[in-house]
Protein backbone atom coordinates (compact mmCIF):
# COMPACT_ATOMS: atom_id res chain seq x y z
CA MET A 1 89.43 97.26 92.61
CA ALA A 2 91.72 94.22 92.08
CA LEU A 3 95.06 94.55 90.28
CA ASN A 4 95.10 92.74 86.95
CA PHE A 5 98.53 93.21 85.38
CA PRO A 6 99.08 92.12 81.72
CA THR A 7 100.32 88.50 81.51
CA SER A 8 103.18 89.09 79.01
CA PRO A 9 104.40 92.68 79.54
CA THR A 10 107.36 94.29 77.78
CA PRO A 11 109.89 96.63 79.43
CA GLY A 12 108.51 100.16 79.63
CA GLN A 13 104.86 99.03 79.35
CA THR A 14 102.47 100.81 81.76
CA TYR A 15 99.32 99.75 83.57
CA THR A 16 96.83 102.26 85.07
CA LEU A 17 94.13 101.62 87.66
CA GLY A 18 92.21 104.67 88.88
CA SER A 19 94.69 107.43 89.65
CA ARG A 20 97.70 105.07 89.94
CA THR A 21 100.07 103.95 87.20
CA TRP A 22 102.68 101.15 87.18
CA THR A 23 105.60 100.70 84.79
CA PHE A 24 107.19 97.28 83.98
CA ASP A 25 111.01 97.42 84.20
CA GLY A 26 111.61 93.97 82.73
CA THR A 27 111.40 92.21 86.13
CA ALA A 28 108.66 93.82 88.21
CA TRP A 29 105.85 96.38 88.04
CA ASN A 30 106.89 99.64 89.76
CA LEU A 31 104.29 102.12 91.01
CA THR A 32 104.86 105.64 89.66
CA SER A 33 102.62 108.55 90.71
CA SER A 34 102.67 112.37 91.02
CA LYS A 35 100.55 114.79 92.93
CA VAL A 36 99.11 117.75 91.10
CA GLY A 37 99.49 120.98 93.05
CA TYR A 38 96.61 123.08 94.34
CA THR A 39 94.94 125.28 91.75
CA GLY A 40 93.89 128.74 92.99
CA SER A 41 90.27 129.74 92.81
CA ALA A 42 89.03 131.73 89.87
CA GLY A 43 88.65 135.48 90.35
CA GLY A 44 85.29 137.25 90.33
CA GLY A 45 83.63 138.22 87.12
CA GLY A 46 85.84 140.70 85.42
CA GLY A 47 88.00 140.71 88.53
CA TYR A 48 91.56 139.75 89.26
CA THR A 49 92.74 136.29 88.16
CA GLY A 50 94.72 134.58 90.82
CA SER A 51 98.23 133.27 90.22
CA ALA A 52 98.83 129.62 89.45
CA GLY A 53 98.77 127.35 92.51
CA TYR A 54 101.85 125.71 93.98
CA THR A 55 102.88 122.47 92.36
CA GLY A 56 103.51 119.79 94.99
CA SER A 57 106.58 117.58 94.96
CA ALA A 58 106.46 114.18 93.33
CA GLY A 59 105.13 111.45 95.58
CA GLY A 60 107.25 108.44 96.51
CA GLY A 61 106.95 105.19 94.50
CA GLY A 62 106.57 101.68 95.92
CA ALA A 63 107.62 98.67 93.78
CA ILE A 64 105.39 95.60 93.46
CA THR A 65 107.09 92.43 92.26
CA ILE A 66 105.39 89.18 91.19
CA SER A 67 107.88 86.28 91.07
CA THR A 68 108.95 83.05 92.79
CA THR A 69 112.20 84.59 94.13
CA ALA A 70 112.74 87.68 96.27
CA PRO A 71 113.52 90.94 94.39
CA VAL A 72 117.10 92.17 94.38
CA ALA A 73 117.95 95.42 96.29
CA PRO A 74 114.43 96.17 97.57
CA ALA A 75 113.47 99.44 99.32
CA ASN A 76 111.56 99.79 102.55
CA GLY A 77 107.83 99.39 101.85
CA ASP A 78 108.23 97.41 98.59
CA LEU A 79 105.71 94.59 98.05
CA TRP A 80 106.47 91.13 96.70
CA TRP A 81 103.83 88.57 95.70
CA ASN A 82 105.45 85.14 96.05
CA SER A 83 103.56 83.34 93.28
CA GLU A 84 104.91 79.90 94.36
CA GLU A 85 103.63 80.23 97.96
CA GLY A 86 100.62 82.43 97.12
CA GLN A 87 101.76 84.90 99.83
CA LEU A 88 102.02 88.71 99.81
CA LYS A 89 105.15 90.05 101.56
CA ILE A 90 106.39 93.57 102.45
CA TYR A 91 110.01 94.71 102.84
CA TYR A 92 110.13 96.10 106.37
CA ASN A 93 112.80 97.92 108.40
CA ASP A 94 112.22 97.52 112.16
CA GLY A 95 114.92 100.05 113.06
CA ASN A 96 117.70 97.46 113.31
CA THR A 97 117.37 95.15 110.32
CA SER A 98 115.41 94.93 107.07
CA GLN A 99 113.64 91.78 105.92
CA TRP A 100 110.66 90.44 103.98
CA VAL A 101 107.66 89.74 106.26
CA ASP A 102 104.23 88.30 105.43
CA ALA A 103 101.67 91.02 104.76
CA SER A 104 98.75 88.59 105.20
CA VAL A 105 98.29 85.06 106.47
CA SER A 106 97.08 82.45 104.03
CA ALA A 107 94.26 80.21 105.14
CA ILE A 108 95.19 76.61 105.86
CA GLY A 109 93.74 74.25 103.26
CA TYR A 110 91.20 71.54 104.10
CA THR A 111 92.66 68.28 105.34
CA GLY A 112 91.03 65.27 103.75
CA SER A 113 89.64 62.50 105.90
CA ILE A 114 91.60 59.29 106.39
CA GLY A 115 90.15 56.40 104.41
CA ILE A 116 89.68 53.11 106.23
CA GLY A 117 89.86 50.02 104.02
CA TYR A 118 87.27 47.21 104.24
CA THR A 119 88.31 44.25 106.36
CA GLY A 120 87.48 40.96 104.71
CA SER A 121 85.69 38.19 106.58
CA ILE A 122 87.62 35.27 108.05
CA GLY A 123 87.93 32.40 105.59
CA TYR A 124 86.62 28.90 106.28
CA ASN A 125 89.05 26.64 108.10
CA SER A 126 88.66 23.16 106.69
CA SER A 127 90.87 21.59 109.36
CA VAL A 128 88.27 22.17 112.10
CA ALA A 129 86.85 18.88 113.40
CA GLY A 130 83.35 18.00 112.22
CA TYR A 131 80.26 17.86 114.41
CA THR A 132 80.25 15.18 117.15
CA GLY A 133 76.91 13.45 117.63
CA SER A 134 75.22 13.37 121.01
CA LYS A 135 75.72 10.41 123.33
CA GLY A 136 73.07 7.70 123.06
CA ASP A 137 70.85 6.61 125.95
CA LEU A 138 72.21 4.02 128.36
CA GLY A 139 70.93 0.55 127.58
CA TYR A 140 68.62 -1.40 129.86
CA THR A 141 70.30 -3.45 132.60
CA GLY A 142 68.91 -6.94 132.97
CA SER A 143 67.85 -8.38 136.32
CA ILE A 144 70.14 -10.63 138.32
CA GLY A 145 69.44 -14.30 137.80
CA TYR A 146 68.35 -16.65 140.61
CA ASN A 147 71.28 -18.35 142.39
CA SER A 148 70.60 -22.00 143.10
CA SER A 149 72.90 -24.81 144.18
CA VAL A 150 70.85 -27.29 142.21
CA ALA A 151 72.19 -27.99 138.76
CA GLY A 152 69.97 -26.68 136.04
CA TYR A 153 68.27 -28.74 133.36
CA THR A 154 70.48 -29.72 130.47
CA GLY A 155 68.76 -29.18 127.19
CA SER A 156 68.74 -31.60 124.35
CA LYS A 157 71.47 -31.50 121.78
CA GLY A 158 70.74 -29.19 118.92
CA ASP A 159 71.04 -29.92 115.23
CA GLN A 160 74.45 -29.67 113.67
CA GLY A 161 75.10 -26.32 112.00
CA VAL A 162 75.95 -25.76 108.39
CA THR A 163 79.57 -26.40 107.59
CA GLY A 164 81.27 -23.12 106.68
CA TYR A 165 83.59 -22.47 103.79
CA TYR A 166 87.29 -22.59 104.22
CA GLY A 167 88.86 -19.23 103.48
CA SER A 168 92.26 -17.55 103.34
CA ALA A 169 93.39 -14.18 104.74
CA PHE A 170 95.95 -11.99 103.00
CA GLY A 171 97.67 -8.80 104.11
CA TYR A 172 99.43 -5.87 102.42
CA THR A 173 101.25 -2.85 103.85
CA SER A 174 102.77 0.28 102.33
CA SER A 175 104.17 3.65 103.52
CA VAL A 176 102.75 6.83 101.97
CA GLY A 177 103.53 10.55 102.04
CA ASP A 178 105.64 12.82 99.81
CA GLY A 179 104.86 16.33 101.13
CA SER A 180 102.76 17.36 98.10
CA ASN A 181 100.01 14.84 97.24
CA THR A 182 96.85 14.21 99.30
CA SER A 183 95.52 11.17 97.36
CA TYR A 184 97.27 7.79 97.06
CA THR A 185 96.17 4.71 95.08
CA ILE A 186 97.19 1.48 96.84
CA THR A 187 97.47 -1.61 94.60
CA HIS A 188 97.39 -4.53 97.05
CA GLY A 189 96.89 -7.49 94.64
CA ILE A 190 94.61 -9.45 97.03
CA ASN A 191 91.87 -9.60 94.36
CA THR A 192 88.78 -9.60 96.59
CA SER A 193 86.02 -7.24 97.67
CA TYR A 194 86.33 -8.35 101.32
CA ILE A 195 88.85 -5.69 102.33
CA TRP A 196 89.65 -3.93 105.63
CA THR A 197 92.00 -0.94 105.45
CA THR A 198 93.60 0.90 108.40
CA VAL A 199 96.05 3.84 108.50
CA LYS A 200 98.57 4.53 111.28
CA GLU A 201 100.91 7.49 111.82
CA LEU A 202 104.42 6.06 112.18
CA SER A 203 105.85 8.77 114.45
CA THR A 204 103.08 8.49 117.11
CA GLY A 205 101.61 5.02 116.56
CA TYR A 206 98.11 6.59 116.43
CA PHE A 207 95.51 5.38 113.96
CA VAL A 208 93.99 8.06 111.72
CA TYR A 209 90.85 7.99 109.62
CA PRO A 210 91.22 9.47 106.13
CA ASP A 211 88.70 8.89 103.33
CA ILE A 212 89.10 5.35 101.92
CA LYS A 213 87.51 4.32 98.61
CA TYR A 214 87.43 0.73 97.31
CA VAL A 215 87.73 1.27 93.56
CA ALA A 216 88.62 -2.28 92.41
CA SER A 217 89.26 -5.77 93.75
CA ASN A 218 92.99 -4.99 93.78
CA GLN A 219 92.99 -1.27 94.59
CA VAL A 220 91.93 1.18 97.26
CA VAL A 221 92.31 5.01 97.21
CA VAL A 222 93.32 6.80 100.44
CA GLU A 223 92.66 10.59 100.57
CA PHE A 224 94.00 12.97 103.27
CA GLU A 225 92.84 16.54 104.01
CA THR A 226 96.42 17.83 103.93
CA ALA A 227 99.46 16.40 102.16
CA PRO A 228 101.37 14.04 104.52
CA THR A 229 105.11 14.39 104.90
CA THR A 230 107.50 11.81 103.48
CA ASN A 231 106.41 8.30 104.66
CA GLN A 232 104.31 9.82 107.45
CA TYR A 233 101.65 7.06 107.39
CA GLN A 234 101.60 3.24 107.10
CA ILE A 235 98.69 1.67 105.13
CA TYR A 236 97.50 -1.83 106.22
CA VAL A 237 95.19 -3.78 103.87
CA LEU A 238 93.66 -7.10 105.07
CA GLY A 239 91.68 -9.22 102.59
CA TYR A 240 89.70 -12.43 102.86
CA THR A 241 89.07 -14.89 100.02
CA GLN A 242 87.05 -18.12 100.03
């Protein structure tokens, strides 16, 4: 049967289980017991009654302590339940020294599995170059003309063509880039819809091809994928008016 001591005992209080009794001394429960001596057999009917049997000596007591700290001045064989560790210990003398030793080994608790977090997918990289179309078929090569030393026939003079309009060409240039913006509105003042716009990187001299929108006769909008550094690009606007 399991021991089930009272939870809030008072000094001098006793607890009995079977033929054993414990007494609480204010700190621990101490086992107290006595052995009743042998009782002689009863005499025959009407016969002689035997003398009282010999009373045995009192048996030894072993203290049991339930606490988080070791009992003070223990005796050999005392038990101590370390309620903080959940471990039963016995005070043992090995012939040379006395010490508390574990009376039983506690089972090792279950070790939880290691959780592995979900790894997110790789995000889209917008700086990757777009798809390059396949190369077109090679054009047809014409046959070689006949080589003759005789001068060919000179055709008649054709009609005079239509006289074209006189026009004027105008240019505008501007540096762009501030390290934060990706869109720049260029006001060129040429006032025409016949506009050609090119963009060159100043440090390398290479032409680049951002998105260019013609929003008005005097304005174009240049949009980059990433913000250019300070004055990274030069914008050239060429316009033609009649």
